[in-house]
Amino acid sequence: MDGAVDRVRAVAGVWRRRAGRWYGEGVLQLLLLLASFALTGYAGLRLLSDARWPLVVVWFAGAALLHDLVLVPLYSVADRAVARLTAGGARDRAWTGFVRVPAALSGLLLLVWWPLISTAPGSPAAVHYTQTTGLPAEVFLARWLLISAGLFALAALWLLVRTLRTAQPRLRETAARLRRRATKQRSTPGS
């Protein structure tokens, strides 16, 4: 039994080394990538098997153009504005990430759920969505706002914890310095 396990491990090691030279990454990453391609291909075939496949192709092309020509410049301008606002020093520049991450996640959620967030209550699209899914369509704007507020609050909390953690050694050092100074001052007048 142990011999078979050793042989399997040896073959797997040889295959891992060959795949590492050929592919450049680990076997697990390759398997996950192939599985994601298979899932994407399946979803694409299901999406394009409908009679309205030209609309899907136009939607993808339009989404790519909208992203590249409109959204990327907006991302860049917003990112530069945040970087300028937090550009005091090296420590302040680190704070930029605490704005970038929740803003990017909130923007991604807005982009993905825009059709439902932008529907007005009672509109034909909202009525159709409610009839089709049985779920209310009017709650998406409030939920997106709550999730965005939660993301920014979580980032602020994380920044606070990180700031306190980095400030703690400096506070200890300052307290020790003050104690030494107080000890010196007490011993000096009596001399």
C-alpha atoms as a PDB file:
ATOM      1  CA  MET A   1       0.000   0.000   0.000  1.00  0.00           C
ATOM      2  CA  ASP A   2       2.775   2.429   0.948  1.00  0.00           C
ATOM      3  CA  GLY A   3       4.617   1.623  -2.268  1.00  0.00           C
ATOM      4  CA  ALA A   4       1.595   2.594  -4.373  1.00  0.00           C
ATOM      5  CA  VAL A   5       1.203   5.855  -2.471  1.00  0.00           C
ATOM      6  CA  ASP A   6       4.897   6.605  -2.943  1.00  0.00           C
ATOM      7  CA  ARG A   7       4.636   5.918  -6.688  1.00  0.00           C
ATOM      8  CA  VAL A   8       1.585   8.203  -6.992  1.00  0.00           C
ATOM      9  CA  ARG A   9       3.428  10.938  -5.087  1.00  0.00           C
ATOM     10  CA  ALA A  10       6.494  10.516  -7.311  1.00  0.00           C
ATOM     11  CA  VAL A  11       4.402  10.723 -10.508  1.00  0.00           C
ATOM     12  CA  ALA A  12       2.540  13.732  -9.135  1.00  0.00           C
ATOM     13  CA  GLY A  13       5.842  15.415  -8.265  1.00  0.00           C
ATOM     14  CA  VAL A  14       7.237  14.819 -11.756  1.00  0.00           C
ATOM     15  CA  TRP A  15       4.009  16.102 -13.324  1.00  0.00           C
ATOM     16  CA  ARG A  16       4.031  19.140 -11.011  1.00  0.00           C
ATOM     17  CA  ARG A  17       7.608  19.996 -12.002  1.00  0.00           C
ATOM     18  CA  ARG A  18       6.855  19.576 -15.726  1.00  0.00           C
ATOM     19  CA  ALA A  19       3.638  21.559 -15.462  1.00  0.00           C
ATOM     20  CA  GLY A  20       5.487  24.212 -13.467  1.00  0.00           C
ATOM     21  CA  ARG A  21       8.035  24.609 -16.258  1.00  0.00           C
ATOM     22  CA  TRP A  22       5.404  24.512 -18.993  1.00  0.00           C
ATOM     23  CA  TYR A  23       2.614  26.477 -17.319  1.00  0.00           C
ATOM     24  CA  GLY A  24       4.442  28.525 -14.698  1.00  0.00           C
ATOM     25  CA  GLU A  25       1.948  28.069 -11.861  1.00  0.00           C
ATOM     26  CA  GLY A  26       0.709  25.242  -9.699  1.00  0.00           C
ATOM     27  CA  VAL A  27      -1.578  22.428 -10.757  1.00  0.00           C
ATOM     28  CA  LEU A  28      -4.454  23.631  -8.573  1.00  0.00           C
ATOM     29  CA  GLN A  29      -4.393  27.046 -10.235  1.00  0.00           C
ATOM     30  CA  LEU A  30      -4.464  25.395 -13.668  1.00  0.00           C
ATOM     31  CA  LEU A  31      -7.424  23.195 -12.688  1.00  0.00           C
ATOM     32  CA  LEU A  32      -9.340  26.173 -11.285  1.00  0.00           C
ATOM     33  CA  LEU A  33      -8.647  28.180 -14.434  1.00  0.00           C
ATOM     34  CA  LEU A  34      -9.853  25.327 -16.666  1.00  0.00           C
ATOM     35  CA  ALA A  35     -12.984  24.923 -14.524  1.00  0.00           C
ATOM     36  CA  SER A  36     -13.719  28.636 -14.782  1.00  0.00           C
ATOM     37  CA  PHE A  37     -13.297  28.498 -18.574  1.00  0.00           C
ATOM     38  CA  ALA A  38     -15.657  25.526 -18.723  1.00  0.00           C
ATOM     39  CA  LEU A  39     -18.255  27.328 -16.603  1.00  0.00           C
ATOM     40  CA  THR A  40     -17.911  30.502 -18.692  1.00  0.00           C
ATOM     41  CA  GLY A  41     -18.258  28.499 -21.902  1.00  0.00           C
ATOM     42  CA  TYR A  42     -21.377  26.772 -20.596  1.00  0.00           C
ATOM     43  CA  ALA A  43     -22.907  30.096 -19.550  1.00  0.00           C
ATOM     44  CA  GLY A  44     -22.004  31.621 -22.919  1.00  0.00           C
ATOM     45  CA  LEU A  45     -23.606  28.757 -24.830  1.00  0.00           C
ATOM     46  CA  ARG A  46     -26.766  29.016 -22.717  1.00  0.00           C
ATOM     47  CA  LEU A  47     -26.861  32.772 -23.213  1.00  0.00           C
ATOM     48  CA  LEU A  48     -26.264  32.636 -26.951  1.00  0.00           C
ATOM     49  CA  SER A  49     -28.636  29.713 -27.615  1.00  0.00           C
ATOM     50  CA  ASP A  50     -31.626  32.031 -27.285  1.00  0.00           C
ATOM     51  CA  ALA A  51     -33.110  33.656 -30.394  1.00  0.00           C
ATOM     52  CA  ARG A  52     -32.064  37.056 -29.043  1.00  0.00           C
ATOM     53  CA  TRP A  53     -28.328  36.286 -29.136  1.00  0.00           C
ATOM     54  CA  PRO A  54     -27.503  39.349 -31.267  1.00  0.00           C
ATOM     55  CA  LEU A  55     -28.765  41.546 -28.427  1.00  0.00           C
ATOM     56  CA  VAL A  56     -26.434  39.752 -26.012  1.00  0.00           C
ATOM     57  CA  VAL A  57     -23.461  40.342 -28.319  1.00  0.00           C
ATOM     58  CA  VAL A  58     -24.393  44.032 -28.695  1.00  0.00           C
ATOM     59  CA  TRP A  59     -24.774  44.306 -24.904  1.00  0.00           C
ATOM     60  CA  PHE A  60     -21.301  42.828 -24.308  1.00  0.00           C
ATOM     61  CA  ALA A  61     -19.701  45.075 -26.931  1.00  0.00           C
ATOM     62  CA  GLY A  62     -21.513  48.120 -25.528  1.00  0.00           C
ATOM     63  CA  ALA A  63     -20.497  47.232 -21.985  1.00  0.00           C
ATOM     64  CA  ALA A  64     -16.848  46.889 -23.037  1.00  0.00           C
ATOM     65  CA  LEU A  65     -16.918  50.236 -24.840  1.00  0.00           C
ATOM     66  CA  LEU A  66     -18.725  51.940 -21.967  1.00  0.00           C
ATOM     67  CA  HIS A  67     -16.191  50.571 -19.512  1.00  0.00           C
ATOM     68  CA  ASP A  68     -13.118  51.472 -21.557  1.00  0.00           C
ATOM     69  CA  LEU A  69     -14.214  54.860 -22.881  1.00  0.00           C
ATOM     70  CA  VAL A  70     -16.276  56.248 -19.986  1.00  0.00           C
ATOM     71  CA  LEU A  71     -15.746  54.380 -16.736  1.00  0.00           C
ATOM     72  CA  VAL A  72     -11.941  53.992 -16.796  1.00  0.00           C
ATOM     73  CA  PRO A  73     -11.398  57.772 -17.172  1.00  0.00           C
ATOM     74  CA  LEU A  74     -13.907  58.349 -14.353  1.00  0.00           C
ATOM     75  CA  TYR A  75     -12.072  55.824 -12.150  1.00  0.00           C
ATOM     76  CA  SER A  76      -8.798  57.577 -12.864  1.00  0.00           C
ATOM     77  CA  VAL A  77     -10.126  61.055 -12.074  1.00  0.00           C
ATOM     78  CA  ALA A  78     -11.759  59.850  -8.858  1.00  0.00           C
ATOM     79  CA  ASP A  79      -8.618  57.986  -7.805  1.00  0.00           C
ATOM     80  CA  ARG A  80      -6.426  61.039  -8.414  1.00  0.00           C
ATOM     81  CA  ALA A  81      -8.839  63.204  -6.424  1.00  0.00           C
ATOM     82  CA  VAL A  82      -8.704  60.797  -3.479  1.00  0.00           C
ATOM     83  CA  ALA A  83      -4.907  60.583  -3.730  1.00  0.00           C
ATOM     84  CA  ARG A  84      -4.654  64.404  -3.699  1.00  0.00           C
ATOM     85  CA  LEU A  85      -6.927  64.677  -0.681  1.00  0.00           C
ATOM     86  CA  THR A  86      -4.824  62.193   1.276  1.00  0.00           C
ATOM     87  CA  ALA A  87      -1.419  63.326  -0.031  1.00  0.00           C
ATOM     88  CA  GLY A  88      -0.028  64.823   3.184  1.00  0.00           C
ATOM     89  CA  GLY A  89       2.729  62.286   3.816  1.00  0.00           C
ATOM     90  CA  ALA A  90       3.630  58.666   3.384  1.00  0.00           C
ATOM     91  CA  ARG A  91       1.305  57.711   6.235  1.00  0.00           C
ATOM     92  CA  ASP A  92      -1.539  59.687   4.709  1.00  0.00           C
ATOM     93  CA  ARG A  93      -1.028  58.061   1.309  1.00  0.00           C
ATOM     94  CA  ALA A  94      -1.614  54.670   2.929  1.00  0.00           C
ATOM     95  CA  TRP A  95      -5.076  55.912   3.876  1.00  0.00           C
ATOM     96  CA  THR A  96      -5.969  56.174   0.193  1.00  0.00           C
ATOM     97  CA  GLY A  97      -6.510  52.420   0.041  1.00  0.00           C
ATOM     98  CA  PHE A  98      -9.103  52.680   2.771  1.00  0.00           C
ATOM     99  CA  VAL A  99     -11.153  54.853   0.415  1.00  0.00           C
ATOM    100  CA  ARG A 100     -10.286  53.036  -2.821  1.00  0.00           C
ATOM    101  CA  VAL A 101     -11.383  49.556  -1.768  1.00  0.00           C
ATOM    102  CA  PRO A 102     -14.889  50.359  -0.485  1.00  0.00           C
ATOM    103  CA  ALA A 103     -15.427  52.785  -3.375  1.00  0.00           C
ATOM    104  CA  ALA A 104     -14.401  50.131  -5.915  1.00  0.00           C
ATOM    105  CA  LEU A 105     -16.629  47.481  -4.327  1.00  0.00           C
ATOM    106  CA  SER A 106     -19.539  49.911  -4.100  1.00  0.00           C
ATOM    107  CA  GLY A 107     -19.025  50.923  -7.737  1.00  0.00           C
ATOM    108  CA  LEU A 108     -18.898  47.289  -8.811  1.00  0.00           C
ATOM    109  CA  LEU A 109     -22.159  46.573  -7.002  1.00  0.00           C
ATOM    110  CA  LEU A 110     -23.717  49.643  -8.598  1.00  0.00           C
ATOM    111  CA  LEU A 111     -22.557  48.536 -12.029  1.00  0.00           C
ATOM    112  CA  VAL A 112     -23.843  44.982 -11.617  1.00  0.00           C
ATOM    113  CA  TRP A 113     -27.202  45.911 -10.075  1.00  0.00           C
ATOM    114  CA  TRP A 114     -27.785  49.195 -11.962  1.00  0.00           C
ATOM    115  CA  PRO A 115     -30.912  47.994 -13.810  1.00  0.00           C
ATOM    116  CA  LEU A 116     -32.618  47.174 -10.509  1.00  0.00           C
ATOM    117  CA  ILE A 117     -31.205  50.119  -8.556  1.00  0.00           C
ATOM    118  CA  SER A 118     -32.318  52.613 -11.200  1.00  0.00           C
ATOM    119  CA  THR A 119     -35.887  51.343 -11.630  1.00  0.00           C
ATOM    120  CA  ALA A 120     -38.494  53.678 -10.240  1.00  0.00           C
ATOM    121  CA  PRO A 121     -41.138  52.165  -7.964  1.00  0.00           C
ATOM    122  CA  GLY A 122     -44.206  51.237  -9.989  1.00  0.00           C
ATOM    123  CA  SER A 123     -42.364  51.380 -13.320  1.00  0.00           C
ATOM    124  CA  PRO A 124     -43.067  48.632 -15.855  1.00  0.00           C
ATOM    125  CA  ALA A 125     -39.594  47.151 -15.272  1.00  0.00           C
ATOM    126  CA  ALA A 126     -40.176  47.022 -11.498  1.00  0.00           C
ATOM    127  CA  VAL A 127     -43.598  45.442 -11.953  1.00  0.00           C
ATOM    128  CA  HIS A 128     -42.175  42.873 -14.392  1.00  0.00           C
ATOM    129  CA  TYR A 129     -39.318  42.033 -12.007  1.00  0.00           C
ATOM    130  CA  THR A 130     -41.731  41.627  -9.085  1.00  0.00           C
ATOM    131  CA  GLN A 131     -44.078  39.419 -11.138  1.00  0.00           C
ATOM    132  CA  THR A 132     -41.230  37.304 -12.481  1.00  0.00           C
ATOM    133  CA  THR A 133     -39.271  36.745  -9.274  1.00  0.00           C
ATOM    134  CA  GLY A 134     -41.846  37.400  -6.574  1.00  0.00           C
ATOM    135  CA  LEU A 135     -39.360  39.779  -4.933  1.00  0.00           C
ATOM    136  CA  PRO A 136     -39.847  43.518  -4.535  1.00  0.00           C
ATOM    137  CA  ALA A 137     -37.818  45.605  -6.978  1.00  0.00           C
ATOM    138  CA  GLU A 138     -37.953  48.801  -4.924  1.00  0.00           C
ATOM    139  CA  VAL A 139     -35.504  47.684  -2.237  1.00  0.00           C
ATOM    140  CA  PHE A 140     -32.315  47.618  -4.318  1.00  0.00           C
ATOM    141  CA  LEU A 141     -31.397  51.306  -4.016  1.00  0.00           C
ATOM    142  CA  ALA A 142     -31.749  51.290  -0.228  1.00  0.00           C
ATOM    143  CA  ARG A 143     -29.837  48.013   0.055  1.00  0.00           C
ATOM    144  CA  TRP A 144     -27.026  49.259  -2.177  1.00  0.00           C
ATOM    145  CA  LEU A 145     -26.751  52.422  -0.093  1.00  0.00           C
ATOM    146  CA  LEU A 146     -26.681  50.381   3.126  1.00  0.00           C
ATOM    147  CA  ILE A 147     -24.053  47.999   1.772  1.00  0.00           C
ATOM    148  CA  SER A 148     -21.942  50.938   0.568  1.00  0.00           C
ATOM    149  CA  ALA A 149     -22.228  52.659   3.947  1.00  0.00           C
ATOM    150  CA  GLY A 150     -21.289  49.379   5.633  1.00  0.00           C
ATOM    151  CA  LEU A 151     -18.225  48.981   3.381  1.00  0.00           C
ATOM    152  CA  PHE A 152     -17.016  52.500   4.171  1.00  0.00           C
ATOM    153  CA  ALA A 153     -17.729  52.019   7.893  1.00  0.00           C
ATOM    154  CA  LEU A 154     -15.797  48.745   7.874  1.00  0.00           C
ATOM    155  CA  ALA A 155     -12.877  50.444   6.111  1.00  0.00           C
ATOM    156  CA  ALA A 156     -12.957  53.299   8.656  1.00  0.00           C
ATOM    157  CA  LEU A 157     -12.975  50.804  11.518  1.00  0.00           C
ATOM    158  CA  TRP A 158     -10.090  48.889   9.973  1.00  0.00           C
ATOM    159  CA  LEU A 159      -8.161  52.149   9.526  1.00  0.00           C
ATOM    160  CA  LEU A 160      -8.832  53.082  13.161  1.00  0.00           C
ATOM    161  CA  VAL A 161      -7.590  49.703  14.418  1.00  0.00           C
ATOM    162  CA  ARG A 162      -4.515  49.913  12.204  1.00  0.00           C
ATOM    163  CA  THR A 163      -3.782  53.476  13.340  1.00  0.00           C
ATOM    164  CA  LEU A 164      -4.151  52.551  16.993  1.00  0.00           C
ATOM    165  CA  ARG A 165      -1.961  49.495  16.527  1.00  0.00           C
ATOM    166  CA  THR A 166       0.828  51.529  14.936  1.00  0.00           C
ATOM    167  CA  ALA A 167       0.406  54.347  17.470  1.00  0.00           C
ATOM    168  CA  GLN A 168       0.583  52.026  20.485  1.00  0.00           C
ATOM    169  CA  PRO A 169       4.395  51.536  20.468  1.00  0.00           C
ATOM    170  CA  ARG A 170       4.902  55.283  20.016  1.00  0.00           C
ATOM    171  CA  LEU A 171       2.568  55.983  22.920  1.00  0.00           C
ATOM    172  CA  ARG A 172       4.513  53.537  25.115  1.00  0.00           C
ATOM    173  CA  GLU A 173       7.795  55.154  24.106  1.00  0.00           C
ATOM    174  CA  THR A 174       6.430  58.636  24.862  1.00  0.00           C
ATOM    175  CA  ALA A 175       5.098  57.489  28.241  1.00  0.00           C
ATOM    176  CA  ALA A 176       8.477  55.947  29.124  1.00  0.00           C
ATOM    177  CA  ARG A 177      10.254  59.149  28.082  1.00  0.00           C
ATOM    178  CA  LEU A 178       7.893  61.218  30.249  1.00  0.00           C
ATOM    179  CA  ARG A 179       8.496  58.896  33.225  1.00  0.00           C
ATOM    180  CA  ARG A 180      12.270  59.187  32.795  1.00  0.00           C
ATOM    181  CA  ARG A 181      11.999  62.969  32.562  1.00  0.00           C
ATOM    182  CA  ALA A 182       9.817  63.089  35.686  1.00  0.00           C
ATOM    183  CA  THR A 183      12.306  60.874  37.531  1.00  0.00           C
ATOM    184  CA  LYS A 184      15.212  63.126  36.498  1.00  0.00           C
ATOM    185  CA  GLN A 185      13.322  66.238  37.601  1.00  0.00           C
ATOM    186  CA  ARG A 186      12.587  64.725  41.026  1.00  0.00           C
ATOM    187  CA  SER A 187      16.185  63.702  41.563  1.00  0.00           C
ATOM    188  CA  THR A 188      17.720  66.977  40.303  1.00  0.00           C
ATOM    189  CA  PRO A 189      16.260  69.507  42.842  1.00  0.00           C
ATOM    190  CA  GLY A 190      17.378  67.453  45.851  1.00  0.00           C
ATOM    191  CA  SER A 191      21.016  67.347  44.687  1.00  0.00           C
END
